[in-house]
Amino acid sequence: MSRRLTKCLIANRGEIAVRVIRACHESGMHAVAVYSDVDANARHVQLADEAYAIGAASPADSYLNATKLIDVARRSGCDCVHPGYGFLSETETFAAAVLEAGLVWIGPPPDAIRLMGVKTEARARMQQAGVPLVPGFQADDADDAAFIAAAVTIGYPVMVKAAGGGGGKGIRVVYDPARLPEALAGARREAEHAFGDPRLFLEKYIEAARHVEIQVIADSHGHTLHLFERECSAQRRHQKIVEESPSPLLTPERRARMGAAAVEAARAVGYTNAGTVEFIATPDGAFYFLEMNTRLQVEHPVTEMVTGLDIVKLQFAVAAGEPLPLAQADVQPRGHAIECRVYAEDPRNNFLPAIGPVLKFIPPEGPGVRVDSGVQSGDTITIHYDPMIAKIIVYEATRAAAIDRMHAALDRTVILGTTTNIPFLRALLAHPTFAAGEVDTRFVDTHLAELLPDAPPLPDAALIAAALEDWHQQPAGSDRRFAPTDDASPWARGDSFRIGG
């Protein structure tokens, strides 16, 4: 039976919390935010109908504290919890605790989270369902000798992966058999530290691979749909940088086969709500199951742009017990969408986070441009959370036109006070290999030197913004003007001002 949801706790922060708040309001629901000490004035707190403090800046004391989150949901009268992505979004025990508290969980069943969260169990279930798998080896009690023997059978290069992995952690690519013991030891240590689970497995490392994922949505009435694909091959250290839909690699026939495989993968674990089935695809037409993300994805906006669907609203409807309002034939993607993740980081310094204040942030606007962000002028990028400032998403009729629109959007993005990766993104988009749609997962690492342009000169727009900042700093009615040598003047901090980087 369906039920009407009226008030949602968003167990997250930043841009995803802002995104879910917007869906709540458009659905006639009240949104309840939570915040750590350093997020008291954050944008998601300002936009929510209610907001509650949950602890210190450390995620362990706040956003990862399931007991505090559920307590806030109860005290505020919420009837559902949306986890966003990251933090506790793929934590089986948190989902189960939400349900045990009598609240609706905006996500898949805890059993599905558990099955897909342990990569070895997911592989076993996919094999049973007939979903194509990368050749590999897994055994919970395997020692190094067993892995070494299996690697010979699989054939080098091989990839060592953490059974409970995610986020690019616990992964090693091995070309030389002599390096495998070292890789096993390193991946095991990293997996234990990151996931509390030292188990590993092996997969054949497929070179020139493309990372293509399929968005799925399933209701509790037996309907499972795919919302077509996103390509995420532009990665660095297994972390996505640029995503797009549709994939330049796929033919209509291959797209249909991958969509059908994703639907079978979801059905194999009794999946409901939104999720993403990730595949490795090769130029010869083969594709293999990689993993399933049992939550909303960072890159979901590109799917929304090409399908015209609101995935978060569909999540709420499915969680409320409603049947999906459309059939597979009703999903007809059009045009092309690209997403760039804008980070406060310095690509010329090994992509280290650029901690500090965001003095001014003016996102781009215009037709076919969407910006999802939890950052606003005056915020501070801290050591405690991901340094993403915004996701910039563009839509156009063709891929070439979408690339042009993204260039224009990045050029209009104003970010002062911190270094960003925008020059790096511009260089990536301008590279002939990206323009040709031929980027594989090795592209960024292979061409990194080409993608790191020299530091640009301070543009006129930065000087104008500095002047505006100068003017705004004057006391009301004051005739005082900063001199360039005044320590408080933005002119004295000219090297900290950046327009998109």
Protein backbone atom coordinates (compact mmCIF):
# COMPACT_ATOMS: atom_id res chain seq x y z
CA MET A 1 0.00 0.00 0.00
CA SER A 2 1.21 3.50 -0.76
CA ARG A 3 1.45 6.18 1.88
CA ARG A 4 1.82 9.92 1.66
CA LEU A 5 5.23 11.19 2.71
CA THR A 6 5.18 14.65 4.26
CA LYS A 7 8.48 15.32 6.01
CA CYS A 8 11.95 14.06 5.15
CA LEU A 9 15.19 14.03 7.09
CA ILE A 10 18.14 14.48 4.75
CA ALA A 11 21.02 12.57 6.34
CA ASN A 12 23.72 14.40 4.42
CA ARG A 13 25.20 17.80 3.64
CA GLY A 14 26.38 19.98 0.76
CA GLU A 15 25.10 19.86 -2.79
CA ILE A 16 23.26 16.57 -2.47
CA ALA A 17 21.36 17.85 0.55
CA VAL A 18 20.43 20.96 -1.44
CA ARG A 19 19.32 18.75 -4.35
CA VAL A 20 17.08 16.60 -2.14
CA ILE A 21 15.63 19.66 -0.40
CA ARG A 22 14.57 21.00 -3.79
CA ALA A 23 12.84 17.72 -4.63
CA CYS A 24 11.10 17.74 -1.24
CA HIS A 25 9.73 21.22 -1.78
CA GLU A 26 8.61 20.47 -5.33
CA SER A 27 6.81 17.38 -3.97
CA GLY A 28 5.03 19.35 -1.24
CA MET A 29 7.18 17.87 1.53
CA HIS A 30 8.97 19.57 4.41
CA ALA A 31 12.74 19.13 4.45
CA VAL A 32 14.71 18.67 7.65
CA ALA A 33 18.46 19.26 7.54
CA VAL A 34 21.22 18.27 9.93
CA TYR A 35 24.53 20.03 10.38
CA SER A 36 27.86 19.75 12.10
CA ASP A 37 29.43 22.62 13.98
CA VAL A 38 31.23 23.96 10.91
CA ASP A 39 28.11 23.70 8.74
CA ALA A 40 25.84 25.86 10.91
CA ASN A 41 25.56 28.51 8.17
CA ALA A 42 25.75 26.16 5.20
CA ARG A 43 23.47 26.53 2.22
CA HIS A 44 21.58 23.29 2.88
CA VAL A 45 20.81 24.52 6.40
CA GLN A 46 19.49 27.82 5.07
CA LEU A 47 17.25 26.17 2.48
CA ALA A 48 15.69 23.53 4.74
CA ASP A 49 12.45 24.07 6.64
CA GLU A 50 14.12 22.94 9.86
CA ALA A 51 17.71 22.19 10.80
CA TYR A 52 19.30 20.44 13.77
CA ALA A 53 22.85 20.38 15.10
CA ILE A 54 24.29 16.88 15.38
CA GLY A 55 27.85 17.32 16.59
CA ALA A 56 31.41 18.27 15.82
CA ALA A 57 32.96 18.70 12.38
CA SER A 58 34.39 15.19 12.21
CA PRO A 59 31.97 13.00 10.21
CA ALA A 60 32.24 10.30 12.91
CA ASP A 61 30.75 12.77 15.38
CA SER A 62 28.01 14.03 13.09
CA TYR A 63 27.03 12.77 9.64
CA LEU A 64 28.17 9.20 10.35
CA ASN A 65 26.38 8.99 13.71
CA ALA A 66 23.30 6.92 12.90
CA THR A 67 21.87 7.22 16.41
CA LYS A 68 21.87 11.03 16.26
CA LEU A 69 20.36 11.07 12.79
CA ILE A 70 17.46 8.81 13.70
CA ASP A 71 16.90 10.74 16.93
CA VAL A 72 16.54 13.96 14.93
CA ALA A 73 14.13 12.27 12.53
CA ARG A 74 11.94 11.15 15.42
CA ARG A 75 12.06 14.44 17.33
CA SER A 76 11.24 16.50 14.26
CA GLY A 77 8.33 14.29 13.21
CA CYS A 78 9.81 13.04 9.96
CA ASP A 79 8.25 10.07 8.24
CA CYS A 80 11.17 9.28 5.92
CA VAL A 81 14.96 9.54 5.59
CA HIS A 82 16.92 10.25 2.41
CA PRO A 83 20.64 9.41 2.75
CA GLY A 84 21.94 11.22 -0.35
CA TYR A 85 25.26 9.71 -1.39
CA GLY A 86 28.40 9.06 0.60
CA PHE A 87 28.38 8.91 4.40
CA LEU A 88 25.78 6.28 5.44
CA SER A 89 23.99 5.97 2.10
CA GLU A 90 25.23 2.44 1.41
CA THR A 91 25.31 1.23 5.00
CA GLU A 92 23.02 -1.75 5.49
CA THR A 93 22.80 -1.27 9.27
CA PHE A 94 21.71 2.36 8.94
CA ALA A 95 18.98 1.46 6.43
CA ALA A 96 17.78 -1.30 8.76
CA ALA A 97 17.80 1.07 11.77
CA VAL A 98 15.72 3.62 9.86
CA LEU A 99 13.14 0.95 9.04
CA GLU A 100 13.15 -0.37 12.61
CA ALA A 101 12.40 3.15 13.81
CA GLY A 102 9.19 3.08 11.77
CA LEU A 103 10.52 5.47 9.14
CA VAL A 104 10.52 5.07 5.36
CA TRP A 105 13.98 4.52 3.89
CA ILE A 106 14.47 6.33 0.57
CA GLY A 107 16.68 3.66 -0.89
CA PRO A 108 16.91 -0.07 -1.60
CA PRO A 109 16.27 -2.85 0.92
CA PRO A 110 19.08 -3.47 3.43
CA ASP A 111 19.66 -6.96 2.00
CA ALA A 112 20.31 -5.50 -1.46
CA ILE A 113 22.77 -3.00 0.01
CA ARG A 114 24.60 -5.81 1.76
CA LEU A 115 24.73 -8.10 -1.27
CA MET A 116 25.99 -5.41 -3.62
CA GLY A 117 28.30 -3.86 -1.02
CA VAL A 118 30.47 -6.97 -0.74
CA LYS A 119 31.97 -7.18 -4.21
CA THR A 120 32.66 -10.91 -4.04
CA GLU A 121 29.03 -11.65 -3.10
CA ALA A 122 27.83 -9.33 -5.84
CA ARG A 123 29.96 -11.16 -8.41
CA ALA A 124 28.56 -14.51 -7.30
CA ARG A 125 24.98 -13.27 -7.57
CA MET A 126 25.60 -11.73 -10.98
CA GLN A 127 27.11 -14.97 -12.23
CA GLN A 128 23.94 -16.78 -11.17
CA ALA A 129 21.82 -14.18 -12.99
CA GLY A 130 23.82 -14.53 -16.22
CA VAL A 131 25.22 -10.98 -16.13
CA PRO A 132 28.63 -10.85 -17.90
CA LEU A 133 31.58 -10.80 -15.50
CA VAL A 134 35.23 -9.90 -15.89
CA PRO A 135 37.32 -13.11 -15.53
CA GLY A 136 38.47 -13.26 -11.93
CA PHE A 137 39.13 -15.21 -8.76
CA GLN A 138 37.60 -14.96 -5.32
CA ALA A 139 37.74 -17.07 -2.17
CA ASP A 140 37.33 -15.69 1.34
CA ASP A 141 40.02 -17.95 2.77
CA ALA A 142 42.53 -17.59 -0.10
CA ASP A 143 46.16 -17.02 0.79
CA ASP A 144 48.79 -15.33 -1.36
CA ALA A 145 49.74 -18.60 -3.02
CA ALA A 146 46.18 -19.08 -4.22
CA PHE A 147 46.05 -15.54 -5.63
CA ILE A 148 49.40 -16.02 -7.38
CA ALA A 149 48.22 -19.24 -9.01
CA ALA A 150 44.90 -17.67 -10.01
CA ALA A 151 46.65 -14.67 -11.58
CA VAL A 152 48.58 -17.02 -13.89
CA THR A 153 45.31 -18.61 -15.00
CA ILE A 154 43.56 -15.26 -15.50
CA GLY A 155 46.53 -13.74 -17.31
CA TYR A 156 48.36 -10.51 -16.56
CA PRO A 157 47.71 -7.67 -16.06
CA VAL A 158 45.40 -8.30 -13.12
CA MET A 159 43.61 -5.97 -10.74
CA VAL A 160 43.63 -6.60 -6.99
CA LYS A 161 40.42 -5.29 -5.45
CA ALA A 162 38.93 -5.02 -1.96
CA ALA A 163 35.88 -7.19 -1.40
CA GLY A 164 34.15 -4.43 0.55
CA GLY A 165 35.59 -1.69 -1.62
CA GLY A 166 34.42 1.51 -3.17
CA GLY A 167 35.69 4.98 -3.99
CA GLY A 168 38.83 3.66 -5.66
CA LYS A 169 40.28 2.34 -2.39
CA GLY A 170 41.93 -1.07 -2.01
CA ILE A 171 42.81 -1.34 -5.70
CA ARG A 172 46.13 -2.25 -7.30
CA VAL A 173 46.91 -2.96 -10.97
CA VAL A 174 49.70 -5.51 -11.43
CA TYR A 175 51.59 -6.13 -14.68
CA ASP A 176 54.60 -7.96 -13.27
CA PRO A 177 54.01 -11.26 -11.40
CA ALA A 178 56.91 -10.40 -9.10
CA ARG A 179 54.95 -7.38 -7.83
CA LEU A 180 51.77 -9.27 -6.95
CA PRO A 181 52.70 -10.15 -3.33
CA GLU A 182 53.48 -6.50 -2.63
CA ALA A 183 50.19 -5.41 -4.24
CA LEU A 184 48.21 -7.94 -2.21
CA ALA A 185 49.77 -6.71 1.02
CA GLY A 186 49.15 -3.05 0.19
CA ALA A 187 45.56 -3.56 -0.94
CA ARG A 188 44.84 -5.68 2.13
CA ARG A 189 46.10 -2.95 4.48
CA GLU A 190 44.14 -0.27 2.67
CA ALA A 191 40.97 -2.38 2.63
CA GLU A 192 41.24 -3.09 6.36
CA HIS A 193 41.70 0.60 7.11
CA ALA A 194 38.96 1.88 4.79
CA PHE A 195 36.31 -0.82 5.16
CA GLY A 196 37.24 -2.94 8.16
CA ASP A 197 37.38 -5.89 5.78
CA PRO A 198 40.74 -7.19 4.50
CA ARG A 199 39.30 -9.64 1.98
CA LEU A 200 40.45 -9.29 -1.60
CA PHE A 201 39.66 -10.68 -5.02
CA LEU A 202 41.27 -10.62 -8.45
CA GLU A 203 39.96 -9.47 -11.80
CA LYS A 204 41.52 -9.41 -15.22
CA TYR A 205 42.63 -5.83 -15.85
CA ILE A 206 41.08 -4.80 -19.12
CA GLU A 207 43.18 -2.21 -20.87
CA ALA A 208 41.61 0.52 -22.99
CA ALA A 209 38.45 -0.03 -20.97
CA ARG A 210 35.49 2.33 -20.92
CA HIS A 211 33.48 2.90 -17.75
CA VAL A 212 29.80 2.88 -18.67
CA GLU A 213 27.06 2.75 -16.06
CA ILE A 214 23.33 2.19 -16.36
CA GLN A 215 20.83 4.03 -14.17
CA VAL A 216 18.03 1.78 -12.92
CA ILE A 217 14.85 2.44 -10.98
CA ALA A 218 12.56 -0.25 -9.56
CA ASP A 219 9.29 -0.16 -7.63
CA SER A 220 7.75 -2.67 -5.22
CA HIS A 221 5.20 -3.79 -7.82
CA GLY A 222 7.65 -5.78 -9.94
CA HIS A 223 8.62 -3.06 -12.40
CA THR A 224 12.30 -2.38 -13.07
CA LEU A 225 13.42 0.11 -15.69
CA HIS A 226 16.73 1.36 -16.94
CA LEU A 227 17.15 5.05 -17.72
CA PHE A 228 19.98 4.44 -20.18
CA GLU A 229 23.66 5.05 -19.68
CA ARG A 230 26.27 7.49 -18.50
CA GLU A 231 29.90 7.29 -19.52
CA CYS A 232 32.41 8.03 -16.76
CA SER A 233 35.71 7.04 -18.38
CA ALA A 234 37.41 10.37 -17.62
CA GLN A 235 38.87 9.35 -14.26
CA ARG A 236 41.90 9.91 -12.14
CA ARG A 237 42.89 7.24 -9.63
CA HIS A 238 39.52 5.56 -10.20
CA GLN A 239 37.67 8.79 -9.30
CA LYS A 240 35.30 10.24 -11.88
CA ILE A 241 35.92 13.75 -13.23
CA VAL A 242 33.62 14.23 -16.22
CA GLU A 243 30.46 12.28 -16.98
CA GLU A 244 28.18 12.32 -20.00
CA SER A 245 25.10 10.78 -21.53
CA PRO A 246 24.76 9.16 -23.96
CA SER A 247 28.06 7.32 -24.23
CA PRO A 248 29.92 7.99 -27.49
CA LEU A 249 30.93 4.32 -27.49
CA LEU A 250 27.54 2.60 -27.59
CA THR A 251 25.52 1.56 -30.58
CA PRO A 252 21.73 1.22 -30.15
CA GLU A 253 22.07 -2.58 -30.08
CA ARG A 254 24.79 -2.53 -27.45
CA ARG A 255 22.87 0.05 -25.41
CA ALA A 256 19.84 -2.24 -25.36
CA ARG A 257 21.91 -5.25 -24.25
CA MET A 258 23.59 -3.33 -21.44
CA GLY A 259 20.28 -1.89 -20.27
CA ALA A 260 18.74 -5.37 -20.18
CA ALA A 261 21.73 -6.70 -18.23
CA ALA A 262 21.41 -3.89 -15.68
CA VAL A 263 17.73 -4.68 -15.18
CA GLU A 264 18.57 -8.35 -14.62
CA ALA A 265 21.27 -7.38 -12.12
CA ALA A 266 18.78 -5.31 -10.12
CA ARG A 267 16.14 -8.03 -10.18
CA ALA A 268 18.69 -10.62 -9.05
CA VAL A 269 18.98 -8.93 -5.65
CA GLY A 270 15.35 -7.87 -5.20
CA TYR A 271 16.24 -4.25 -5.81
CA THR A 272 13.83 -1.34 -5.38
CA ASN A 273 14.40 2.41 -5.67
CA ALA A 274 17.21 4.06 -7.67
CA GLY A 275 20.61 2.50 -8.26
CA THR A 276 23.39 2.29 -10.79
CA VAL A 277 24.91 -0.80 -12.37
CA GLU A 278 28.46 -0.10 -13.48
CA PHE A 279 30.12 -1.91 -16.37
CA ILE A 280 33.50 -2.06 -18.04
CA ALA A 281 33.05 -1.89 -21.81
CA THR A 282 35.62 -2.63 -24.49
CA PRO A 283 35.98 -1.34 -28.06
CA ASP A 284 35.18 -4.79 -29.47
CA GLY A 285 31.63 -4.71 -28.12
CA ALA A 286 32.05 -6.74 -24.92
CA PHE A 287 30.96 -5.47 -21.52
CA TYR A 288 31.34 -6.80 -17.98
CA PHE A 289 29.68 -6.15 -14.62
CA LEU A 290 31.85 -4.04 -12.34
CA GLU A 291 29.66 -3.20 -9.33
CA MET A 292 26.32 -1.76 -8.31
CA ASN A 293 25.99 1.50 -6.42
CA THR A 294 22.96 1.13 -4.18
CA ARG A 295 22.20 4.83 -3.91
CA LEU A 296 21.83 8.01 -5.90
CA GLN A 297 24.95 8.83 -7.90
CA VAL A 298 26.85 12.10 -7.99
CA GLU A 299 26.37 12.17 -11.75
CA HIS A 300 22.60 11.53 -11.80
CA PRO A 301 21.86 15.02 -13.27
CA VAL A 302 23.12 14.06 -16.73
CA THR A 303 20.48 11.31 -16.87
CA GLU A 304 17.84 13.77 -15.72
CA MET A 305 18.86 16.23 -18.43
CA VAL A 306 18.55 13.74 -21.31
CA THR A 307 15.45 11.90 -20.08
CA GLY A 308 13.51 14.81 -18.57
CA LEU A 309 12.90 12.72 -15.43
CA ASP A 310 13.46 13.75 -11.81
CA ILE A 311 15.18 10.74 -10.27
CA VAL A 312 14.87 12.02 -6.69
CA LYS A 313 11.13 12.51 -7.06
CA LEU A 314 10.91 8.97 -8.46
CA GLN A 315 12.81 7.78 -5.38
CA PHE A 316 10.22 9.34 -3.11
CA ALA A 317 7.32 7.89 -5.11
CA VAL A 318 8.78 4.37 -5.10
CA ALA A 319 9.59 4.52 -1.39
CA ALA A 320 6.00 5.60 -0.71
CA GLY A 321 4.81 2.40 -2.37
CA GLU A 322 3.63 3.90 -5.63
CA PRO A 323 4.14 2.10 -8.93
CA LEU A 324 6.49 3.68 -11.42
CA PRO A 325 4.47 6.13 -13.54
CA LEU A 326 6.05 5.03 -16.82
CA ALA A 327 7.09 1.95 -18.78
CA GLN A 328 10.43 1.24 -20.45
CA ALA A 329 9.11 2.38 -23.83
CA ASP A 330 8.22 5.76 -22.31
CA VAL A 331 11.87 6.55 -21.51
CA GLN A 332 13.21 8.27 -24.60
CA PRO A 333 16.48 10.14 -24.07
CA ARG A 334 17.17 13.13 -26.26
CA GLY A 335 20.21 15.30 -26.85
CA HIS A 336 23.47 15.18 -24.94
CA ALA A 337 24.44 16.15 -21.39
CA ILE A 338 27.86 16.59 -19.77
CA GLU A 339 28.74 17.08 -16.10
CA CYS A 340 32.00 18.51 -14.76
CA ARG A 341 32.91 18.27 -11.09
CA VAL A 342 34.45 21.55 -9.93
CA TYR A 343 36.75 21.05 -6.96
CA ALA A 344 38.76 23.34 -4.71
CA GLU A 345 42.02 21.62 -5.52
CA ASP A 346 45.31 22.31 -7.21
CA PRO A 347 45.93 20.03 -10.20
CA ARG A 348 49.48 21.37 -10.45
CA ASN A 349 50.14 20.20 -6.89
CA ASN A 350 49.03 16.58 -7.23
CA PHE A 351 45.36 17.65 -6.98
CA LEU A 352 45.68 18.45 -3.28
CA PRO A 353 42.57 20.07 -1.76
CA ALA A 354 42.77 23.87 -1.61
CA ILE A 355 41.57 24.47 1.94
CA GLY A 356 40.36 27.98 2.76
CA PRO A 357 37.64 30.57 2.14
CA VAL A 358 35.57 30.93 -1.00
CA LEU A 359 35.45 34.72 -1.13
CA LYS A 360 33.14 34.85 -4.11
CA PHE A 361 31.25 32.19 -6.06
CA ILE A 362 29.14 33.17 -9.05
CA PRO A 363 27.88 30.09 -10.92
CA PRO A 364 27.14 30.21 -14.64
CA GLU A 365 23.60 30.69 -15.85
CA GLY A 366 21.76 30.39 -19.12
CA PRO A 367 19.72 27.99 -21.26
CA GLY A 368 20.82 24.38 -20.94
CA VAL A 369 22.99 25.04 -17.89
CA ARG A 370 22.36 23.52 -14.46
CA VAL A 371 24.50 23.98 -11.37
CA ASP A 372 24.17 21.74 -8.31
CA SER A 373 26.10 23.20 -5.40
CA GLY A 374 26.12 23.43 -1.64
CA VAL A 375 28.70 26.23 -1.61
CA GLN A 376 28.09 29.95 -1.59
CA SER A 377 30.20 33.08 -1.27
CA GLY A 378 31.77 33.33 2.16
CA ASP A 379 31.93 29.58 2.78
CA THR A 380 35.13 27.81 3.74
CA ILE A 381 36.53 24.63 2.24
CA THR A 382 37.63 22.56 5.24
CA ILE A 383 39.69 19.46 5.80
CA HIS A 384 36.65 17.59 7.07
CA TYR A 385 34.64 17.11 3.87
CA ASP A 386 34.95 16.60 0.14
CA PRO A 387 36.25 19.80 -1.52
CA MET A 388 33.72 19.79 -4.37
CA ILE A 389 32.38 23.28 -4.97
CA ALA A 390 29.81 22.47 -7.64
CA LYS A 391 28.66 20.20 -10.39
CA ILE A 392 28.16 22.05 -13.65
CA ILE A 393 25.84 20.23 -16.04
CA VAL A 394 25.02 21.31 -19.57
CA TYR A 395 22.58 20.07 -22.20
CA GLU A 396 22.54 20.50 -25.96
CA ALA A 397 21.19 18.76 -29.03
CA THR A 398 24.55 17.20 -29.97
CA ARG A 399 27.71 16.18 -28.14
CA ALA A 400 29.83 18.77 -29.94
CA ALA A 401 27.40 21.52 -29.01
CA ALA A 402 27.32 20.30 -25.40
CA ILE A 403 31.13 20.48 -25.22
CA ASP A 404 30.99 24.06 -26.54
CA ARG A 405 28.33 24.96 -23.99
CA MET A 406 30.41 23.47 -21.17
CA HIS A 407 33.42 25.52 -22.25
CA ALA A 408 31.26 28.63 -22.12
CA ALA A 409 29.82 27.69 -18.72
CA LEU A 410 33.27 27.11 -17.23
CA ASP A 411 34.45 30.42 -18.65
CA ARG A 412 31.56 32.19 -16.88
CA THR A 413 32.19 30.51 -13.53
CA VAL A 414 33.64 32.94 -10.98
CA ILE A 415 35.41 31.46 -7.97
CA LEU A 416 37.61 33.79 -5.93
CA GLY A 417 39.86 32.96 -3.01
CA THR A 418 40.74 29.37 -3.74
CA THR A 419 42.45 27.38 -6.47
CA THR A 420 40.15 25.16 -8.52
CA ASN A 421 40.44 22.46 -11.17
CA ILE A 422 38.63 24.49 -13.83
CA PRO A 423 41.71 25.03 -16.04
CA PHE A 424 42.28 21.28 -15.88
CA LEU A 425 38.65 20.64 -16.90
CA ARG A 426 38.98 23.07 -19.79
CA ALA A 427 42.10 21.31 -21.01
CA LEU A 428 40.44 17.91 -20.75
CA LEU A 429 37.39 19.02 -22.74
CA ALA A 430 39.61 20.61 -25.38
CA HIS A 431 41.79 17.54 -25.89
CA PRO A 432 41.30 15.93 -29.33
CA THR A 433 40.80 12.49 -27.77
CA PHE A 434 37.88 13.74 -25.67
CA ALA A 435 36.41 15.61 -28.62
CA ALA A 436 36.53 12.36 -30.61
CA GLY A 437 34.73 10.47 -27.83
CA GLU A 438 37.62 8.03 -27.42
CA VAL A 439 38.55 8.53 -23.76
CA ASP A 440 39.24 5.35 -21.80
CA THR A 441 39.94 4.98 -18.09
CA ARG A 442 43.70 5.46 -18.62
CA PHE A 443 43.33 8.72 -20.51
CA VAL A 444 43.89 11.21 -17.68
CA ASP A 445 46.91 9.41 -16.25
CA THR A 446 48.41 8.94 -19.71
CA HIS A 447 47.95 12.56 -20.79
CA LEU A 448 48.26 14.28 -17.43
CA ALA A 449 51.15 16.53 -18.48
CA GLU A 450 49.07 17.85 -21.39
CA LEU A 451 46.11 18.54 -19.10
CA LEU A 452 48.03 20.69 -16.62
CA PRO A 453 48.31 24.13 -18.22
CA ASP A 454 50.54 26.78 -16.75
CA ALA A 455 48.96 29.02 -14.14
CA PRO A 456 46.91 31.59 -16.08
CA PRO A 457 47.48 35.32 -15.59
CA LEU A 458 45.01 37.08 -13.32
CA PRO A 459 42.07 37.89 -15.65
CA ASP A 460 40.23 41.19 -15.79
CA ALA A 461 37.15 39.62 -14.22
CA ALA A 462 39.17 38.80 -11.11
CA LEU A 463 40.32 42.41 -10.85
CA ILE A 464 36.74 43.62 -11.18
CA ALA A 465 35.59 41.16 -8.52
CA ALA A 466 38.41 42.30 -6.23
CA ALA A 467 37.25 45.86 -6.68
CA LEU A 468 33.69 44.88 -5.79
CA GLU A 469 34.96 43.01 -2.74
CA ASP A 470 36.91 46.15 -1.77
CA TRP A 471 33.78 48.28 -2.07
CA HIS A 472 31.64 45.88 -0.04
CA GLN A 473 34.17 45.86 2.80
CA GLN A 474 33.74 49.60 3.50
CA PRO A 475 31.77 50.53 6.66
CA ALA A 476 28.41 52.09 5.90
CA GLY A 477 28.84 55.81 5.23
CA SER A 478 32.62 55.58 5.26
CA ASP A 479 34.80 57.42 2.79
CA ARG A 480 37.76 55.12 3.51
CA ARG A 481 39.32 53.32 0.57
CA PHE A 482 41.82 50.47 0.72
CA ALA A 483 45.27 51.12 -0.55
CA PRO A 484 47.02 48.28 -2.43
CA THR A 485 49.40 47.87 0.50
CA ASP A 486 46.64 47.54 3.11
CA ASP A 487 46.79 44.02 4.56
CA ALA A 488 42.97 43.81 4.69
CA SER A 489 42.56 44.76 1.05
CA PRO A 490 41.68 42.13 -1.57
CA TRP A 491 44.27 43.83 -3.79
CA ALA A 492 46.94 42.73 -1.34
CA ARG A 493 45.74 39.15 -1.74
CA GLY A 494 45.67 39.23 -5.52
CA ASP A 495 47.43 35.90 -5.85
CA SER A 496 44.56 34.20 -4.01
CA PHE A 497 41.94 35.38 -6.48
CA ARG A 498 40.95 33.00 -9.20
CA ILE A 499 38.34 32.96 -11.90
CA GLY A 500 37.67 29.28 -12.41
CA GLY A 501 41.06 28.26 -11.17
